[in-house]
PDB file of all heavy atoms in Angstrom:
ATOM      1  N   ARG A   1      90.737 104.053 113.650  1.00  0.00           N
ATOM      2  CA  ARG A   1      90.640 104.060 112.066  1.00  0.00           C
ATOM      3  C   ARG A   1      91.291 102.886 111.571  1.00  0.00           C
ATOM      4  O   ARG A   1      92.318 102.547 112.031  1.00  0.00           O
ATOM      5  CB  ARG A   1      91.136 105.395 111.555  1.00  0.00           C
ATOM      6  CG  ARG A   1      90.514 106.623 112.066  1.00  0.00           C
ATOM      7  CD  ARG A   1      91.103 107.946 111.441  1.00  0.00           C
ATOM      8  NE  ARG A   1      91.155 107.853 110.002  1.00  0.00           N
ATOM      9  CZ  ARG A   1      91.693 108.831 109.241  1.00  0.00           C
ATOM     10  NH1 ARG A   1      92.426 109.778 109.940  1.00  0.00           N
ATOM     11  NH2 ARG A   1      91.617 108.841 107.938  1.00  0.00           N
ATOM     12  N   VAL A   2      90.718 102.344 110.469  1.00  0.00           N
ATOM     13  CA  VAL A   2      91.238 101.047 109.940  1.00  0.00           C
ATOM     14  C   VAL A   2      91.954 101.371 108.620  1.00  0.00           C
ATOM     15  O   VAL A   2      91.486 102.076 107.774  1.00  0.00           O
ATOM     16  CB  VAL A   2      90.060 100.084 109.647  1.00  0.00           C
ATOM     17  CG1 VAL A   2      90.626  98.865 108.995  1.00  0.00           C
ATOM     18  CG2 VAL A   2      89.393  99.756 110.959  1.00  0.00           C
ATOM     19  N   ALA A   3      93.190 100.878 108.623  1.00  0.00           N
ATOM     20  CA  ALA A   3      94.021 100.908 107.288  1.00  0.00           C
ATOM     21  C   ALA A   3      94.217  99.513 107.007  1.00  0.00           C
ATOM     22  O   ALA A   3      95.342  98.910 107.366  1.00  0.00           O
ATOM     23  CB  ALA A   3      95.282 101.672 107.507  1.00  0.00           C
ATOM     24  N   PRO A   4      93.278  98.793 106.222  1.00  0.00           N
ATOM     25  CA  PRO A   4      93.354  97.252 106.225  1.00  0.00           C
ATOM     26  C   PRO A   4      94.459  96.833 105.297  1.00  0.00           C
ATOM     27  O   PRO A   4      94.355  96.613 104.081  1.00  0.00           O
ATOM     28  CB  PRO A   4      92.059  97.083 105.668  1.00  0.00           C
ATOM     29  CG  PRO A   4      91.570  98.247 104.885  1.00  0.00           C
ATOM     30  CD  PRO A   4      92.147  99.371 105.659  1.00  0.00           C
ATOM     31  N   SER A   5      95.578  96.491 105.901  1.00  0.00           N
ATOM     32  CA  SER A   5      96.669  95.834 105.283  1.00  0.00           C
ATOM     33  C   SER A   5      97.697  95.423 106.324  1.00  0.00           C
ATOM     34  O   SER A   5      97.704  96.023 107.448  1.00  0.00           O
ATOM     35  CB  SER A   5      97.471  96.988 104.433  1.00  0.00           C
ATOM     36  OG  SER A   5      98.711  96.496 103.954  1.00  0.00           O
ATOM     37  N   LEU A   6      98.349  94.268 106.088  1.00  0.00           N
ATOM     38  CA  LEU A   6      99.284  93.774 106.985  1.00  0.00           C
ATOM     39  C   LEU A   6     100.735  94.168 106.389  1.00  0.00           C
ATOM     40  O   LEU A   6     101.795  93.750 107.023  1.00  0.00           O
ATOM     41  CB  LEU A   6      99.236  92.225 107.062  1.00  0.00           C
ATOM     42  CG  LEU A   6      97.984  91.756 107.857  1.00  0.00           C
ATOM     43  CD1 LEU A   6      98.043  90.173 107.854  1.00  0.00           C
ATOM     44  CD2 LEU A   6      97.837  92.301 109.206  1.00  0.00           C
ATOM     45  N   ALA A   7     100.743  94.906 105.397  1.00  0.00           N
ATOM     46  CA  ALA A   7     102.005  95.228 104.628  1.00  0.00           C
ATOM     47  C   ALA A   7     102.946  95.941 105.724  1.00  0.00           C
ATOM     48  O   ALA A   7     104.188  95.712 105.630  1.00  0.00           O
ATOM     49  CB  ALA A   7     101.838  95.924 103.448  1.00  0.00           C
ATOM     50  N   ARG A   8     102.493  96.965 106.374  1.00  0.00           N
ATOM     51  CA  ARG A   8     103.311  97.788 107.135  1.00  0.00           C
ATOM     52  C   ARG A   8     103.908  97.023 108.445  1.00  0.00           C
ATOM     53  O   ARG A   8     105.111  97.097 108.667  1.00  0.00           O
ATOM     54  CB  ARG A   8     102.639  99.079 107.631  1.00  0.00           C
ATOM     55  CG  ARG A   8     102.250 100.022 106.469  1.00  0.00           C
ATOM     56  CD  ARG A   8     101.414 101.113 106.926  1.00  0.00           C
ATOM     57  NE  ARG A   8     100.092 100.737 107.413  1.00  0.00           N
ATOM     58  CZ  ARG A   8      99.114 100.436 106.616  1.00  0.00           C
ATOM     59  NH1 ARG A   8      99.188 100.668 105.173  1.00  0.00           N
ATOM     60  NH2 ARG A   8      97.996 100.040 107.124  1.00  0.00           N
ATOM     61  N   ILE A   9     103.146  96.308 109.076  1.00  0.00           N
ATOM     62  CA  ILE A   9     103.545  95.512 110.262  1.00  0.00           C
ATOM     63  C   ILE A   9     104.405  94.461 109.823  1.00  0.00           C
ATOM     64  O   ILE A   9     105.343  94.123 110.432  1.00  0.00           O
ATOM     65  CB  ILE A   9     102.292  95.027 111.126  1.00  0.00           C
ATOM     66  CG1 ILE A   9     102.910  94.430 112.344  1.00  0.00           C
ATOM     67  CG2 ILE A   9     101.427  94.228 110.282  1.00  0.00           C
ATOM     68  CD1 ILE A   9     103.693  95.265 113.350  1.00  0.00           C
ATOM     69  N   ALA A  10     104.143  93.825 108.733  1.00  0.00           N
ATOM     70  CA  ALA A  10     105.015  92.785 108.194  1.00  0.00           C
ATOM     71  C   ALA A  10     106.388  93.324 107.826  1.00  0.00           C
ATOM     72  O   ALA A  10     107.303  92.670 107.987  1.00  0.00           O
ATOM     73  CB  ALA A  10     104.347  92.093 106.872  1.00  0.00           C
ATOM     74  N   ALA A  11     106.352  94.474 107.153  1.00  0.00           N
ATOM     75  CA  ALA A  11     107.794  95.127 106.878  1.00  0.00           C
ATOM     76  C   ALA A  11     108.432  95.384 108.121  1.00  0.00           C
ATOM     77  O   ALA A  11     109.666  95.168 108.125  1.00  0.00           O
ATOM     78  CB  ALA A  11     107.478  96.440 106.058  1.00  0.00           C
ATOM     79  N   LEU A  12     107.798  95.979 109.123  1.00  0.00           N
ATOM     80  CA  LEU A  12     108.606  96.191 110.337  1.00  0.00           C
ATOM     81  C   LEU A  12     109.047  94.858 110.989  1.00  0.00           C
ATOM     82  O   LEU A  12     110.204  94.928 111.401  1.00  0.00           O
ATOM     83  CB  LEU A  12     107.644  96.844 111.335  1.00  0.00           C
ATOM     84  CG  LEU A  12     108.252  97.162 112.749  1.00  0.00           C
ATOM     85  CD1 LEU A  12     109.432  98.116 112.645  1.00  0.00           C
ATOM     86  CD2 LEU A  12     107.165  97.754 113.711  1.00  0.00           C
ATOM     87  N   CYS A  13     108.217  93.846 111.056  1.00  0.00           N
ATOM     88  CA  CYS A  13     108.633  92.565 111.647  1.00  0.00           C
ATOM     89  C   CYS A  13     109.812  91.989 110.847  1.00  0.00           C
ATOM     90  O   CYS A  13     110.778  91.426 111.431  1.00  0.00           O
ATOM     91  CB  CYS A  13     107.529  91.570 111.649  1.00  0.00           C
ATOM     92  SG  CYS A  13     106.260  91.989 112.886  1.00  0.00           S
ATOM     93  N   ASP A  14     109.861  92.237 109.511  1.00  0.00           N
ATOM     94  CA  ASP A  14     110.972  91.699 108.705  1.00  0.00           C
ATOM     95  C   ASP A  14     112.229  92.421 109.154  1.00  0.00           C
ATOM     96  O   ASP A  14     113.273  91.808 109.315  1.00  0.00           O
ATOM     97  CB  ASP A  14     110.675  91.964 107.331  1.00  0.00           C
ATOM     98  CG  ASP A  14     111.647  91.399 106.452  1.00  0.00           C
ATOM     99  OD1 ASP A  14     112.066  90.222 106.469  1.00  0.00           O
ATOM    100  OD2 ASP A  14     112.300  92.204 105.654  1.00  0.00           O
ATOM    101  N   LEU A  15     112.162  93.829 109.366  1.00  0.00           N
ATOM    102  CA  LEU A  15     113.363  94.434 109.778  1.00  0.00           C
ATOM    103  C   LEU A  15     113.893  94.187 111.137  1.00  0.00           C
ATOM    104  O   LEU A  15     114.938  94.218 111.464  1.00  0.00           O
ATOM    105  CB  LEU A  15     113.055  95.971 109.708  1.00  0.00           C
ATOM    106  CG  LEU A  15     112.887  96.608 108.308  1.00  0.00           C
ATOM    107  CD1 LEU A  15     112.433  98.065 108.520  1.00  0.00           C
ATOM    108  CD2 LEU A  15     114.066  96.598 107.474  1.00  0.00           C
ATOM    109  N   MET A  16     112.894  93.588 112.012  1.00  0.00           N
ATOM    110  CA  MET A  16     113.256  93.236 113.290  1.00  0.00           C
ATOM    111  C   MET A  16     113.576  91.772 113.371  1.00  0.00           C
ATOM    112  O   MET A  16     113.637  91.201 114.532  1.00  0.00           O
ATOM    113  CB  MET A  16     112.129  93.561 114.372  1.00  0.00           C
ATOM    114  CG  MET A  16     111.867  95.106 114.429  1.00  0.00           C
ATOM    115  SD  MET A  16     110.697  95.482 115.855  1.00  0.00           S
ATOM    116  CE  MET A  16     109.243  94.558 115.391  1.00  0.00           C
ATOM    117  N   ALA A  17     113.709  91.063 112.270  1.00  0.00           N
ATOM    118  CA  ALA A  17     114.061  89.574 112.303  1.00  0.00           C
ATOM    119  C   ALA A  17     113.024  88.743 112.841  1.00  0.00           C
ATOM    120  O   ALA A  17     113.189  87.713 113.596  1.00  0.00           O
ATOM    121  CB  ALA A  17     115.354  89.343 113.049  1.00  0.00           C
ATOM    122  N   GLU A  18     111.735  89.034 112.536  1.00  0.00           N
ATOM    123  CA  GLU A  18     110.506  88.275 112.763  1.00  0.00           C
ATOM    124  C   GLU A  18     110.348  87.971 114.278  1.00  0.00           C
ATOM    125  O   GLU A  18     110.243  86.744 114.598  1.00  0.00           O
ATOM    126  CB  GLU A  18     110.579  86.973 111.972  1.00  0.00           C
ATOM    127  CG  GLU A  18     110.774  87.185 110.442  1.00  0.00           C
ATOM    128  CD  GLU A  18     109.601  87.772 109.743  1.00  0.00           C
ATOM    129  OE1 GLU A  18     108.459  87.658 110.362  1.00  0.00           O
ATOM    130  OE2 GLU A  18     109.639  88.324 108.711  1.00  0.00           O
ATOM    131  N   PRO A  19     110.279  88.822 115.063  1.00  0.00           N
ATOM    132  CA  PRO A  19     110.114  88.559 116.525  1.00  0.00           C
ATOM    133  C   PRO A  19     108.656  87.899 116.746  1.00  0.00           C
ATOM    134  O   PRO A  19     108.559  87.203 117.947  1.00  0.00           O
ATOM    135  CB  PRO A  19     110.171  89.925 117.236  1.00  0.00           C
ATOM    136  CG  PRO A  19     109.726  90.908 116.187  1.00  0.00           C
ATOM    137  CD  PRO A  19     110.266  90.403 114.923  1.00  0.00           C
ATOM    138  N   GLN A  20     107.659  88.084 115.957  1.00  0.00           N
ATOM    139  CA  GLN A  20     106.426  87.460 116.208  1.00  0.00           C
ATOM    140  C   GLN A  20     106.423  85.884 116.096  1.00  0.00           C
ATOM    141  O   GLN A  20     105.542  85.269 116.491  1.00  0.00           O
ATOM    142  CB  GLN A  20     105.437  88.023 115.291  1.00  0.00           C
ATOM    143  CG  GLN A  20     105.410  87.529 113.832  1.00  0.00           C
ATOM    144  CD  GLN A  20     106.417  88.093 112.929  1.00  0.00           C
ATOM    145  OE1 GLN A  20     107.440  88.767 113.459  1.00  0.00           O
ATOM    146  NE2 GLN A  20     106.273  87.966 111.639  1.00  0.00           N
ATOM    147  N   ARG A  21     107.583  85.468 115.647  1.00  0.00           N
ATOM    148  CA  ARG A  21     107.808  83.982 115.519  1.00  0.00           C
ATOM    149  C   ARG A  21     108.644  83.447 116.667  1.00  0.00           C
ATOM    150  O   ARG A  21     109.018  82.257 116.589  1.00  0.00           O
ATOM    151  CB  ARG A  21     108.381  83.724 114.043  1.00  0.00           C
ATOM    152  CG  ARG A  21     107.506  84.066 112.918  1.00  0.00           C
ATOM    153  CD  ARG A  21     108.119  83.713 111.605  1.00  0.00           C
ATOM    154  NE  ARG A  21     107.470  84.412 110.518  1.00  0.00           N
ATOM    155  CZ  ARG A  21     106.232  84.022 110.110  1.00  0.00           C
ATOM    156  NH1 ARG A  21     105.529  83.158 110.630  1.00  0.00           N
ATOM    157  NH2 ARG A  21     105.752  84.729 109.065  1.00  0.00           N
ATOM    158  N   SER A  22     109.022  84.212 117.578  1.00  0.00           N
ATOM    159  CA  SER A  22     109.929  83.833 118.665  1.00  0.00           C
ATOM    160  C   SER A  22     109.303  82.962 119.708  1.00  0.00           C
ATOM    161  O   SER A  22     110.039  82.340 120.523  1.00  0.00           O
ATOM    162  CB  SER A  22     110.592  85.048 119.280  1.00  0.00           C
ATOM    163  OG  SER A  22     109.648  85.849 119.912  1.00  0.00           O
ATOM    164  N   ALA A  23     107.987  82.687 119.775  1.00  0.00           N
ATOM    165  CA  ALA A  23     107.298  82.076 120.663  1.00  0.00           C
ATOM    166  C   ALA A  23     105.898  81.707 120.259  1.00  0.00           C
ATOM    167  O   ALA A  23     105.391  82.386 119.384  1.00  0.00           O
ATOM    168  CB  ALA A  23     107.232  82.663 122.080  1.00  0.00           C
ATOM    169  N   PRO A  24     105.305  80.520 120.677  1.00  0.00           N
ATOM    170  CA  PRO A  24     103.904  80.316 120.342  1.00  0.00           C
ATOM    171  C   PRO A  24     102.955  81.346 120.739  1.00  0.00           C
ATOM    172  O   PRO A  24     103.159  82.120 121.726  1.00  0.00           O
ATOM    173  CB  PRO A  24     103.613  79.000 121.035  1.00  0.00           C
ATOM    174  CG  PRO A  24     104.976  78.439 121.439  1.00  0.00           C
ATOM    175  CD  PRO A  24     105.838  79.544 121.577  1.00  0.00           C
ATOM    176  N   VAL A  25     101.912  81.501 119.932  1.00  0.00           N
ATOM    177  CA  VAL A  25     101.020  82.668 120.070  1.00  0.00           C
ATOM    178  C   VAL A  25      99.516  82.213 120.251  1.00  0.00           C
ATOM    179  O   VAL A  25      99.060  81.162 119.587  1.00  0.00           O
ATOM    180  CB  VAL A  25     101.053  83.564 118.806  1.00  0.00           C
ATOM    181  CG1 VAL A  25     100.027  84.657 118.871  1.00  0.00           C
ATOM    182  CG2 VAL A  25     102.450  84.134 118.765  1.00  0.00           C
ATOM    183  N   VAL A  26      98.915  82.827 121.242  1.00  0.00           N
ATOM    184  CA  VAL A  26      97.404  82.750 121.317  1.00  0.00           C
ATOM    185  C   VAL A  26      96.881  84.139 121.031  1.00  0.00           C
ATOM    186  O   VAL A  26      97.292  85.083 121.565  1.00  0.00           O
ATOM    187  CB  VAL A  26      97.040  82.305 122.742  1.00  0.00           C
ATOM    188  CG1 VAL A  26      95.496  82.230 122.801  1.00  0.00           C
ATOM    189  CG2 VAL A  26      97.597  81.048 123.204  1.00  0.00           C
ATOM    190  N   THR A  27      95.903  84.099 119.980  1.00  0.00           N
ATOM    191  CA  THR A  27      95.257  85.450 119.714  1.00  0.00           C
ATOM    192  C   THR A  27      93.805  85.336 120.060  1.00  0.00           C
ATOM    193  O   THR A  27      93.168  84.352 119.817  1.00  0.00           O
ATOM    194  CB  THR A  27      95.407  85.736 118.209  1.00  0.00           C
ATOM    195  OG1 THR A  27      96.828  85.764 117.802  1.00  0.00           O
ATOM    196  CG2 THR A  27      94.876  87.051 117.684  1.00  0.00           C
TER     197      THR A  27
END
């Protein structure tokens, strides 16, 4: 099911000190 928003995952990443920026990414 789709809940089209990045708000929740962005909020979690902010609380975790932005781990998604800790290394280069291939998507």
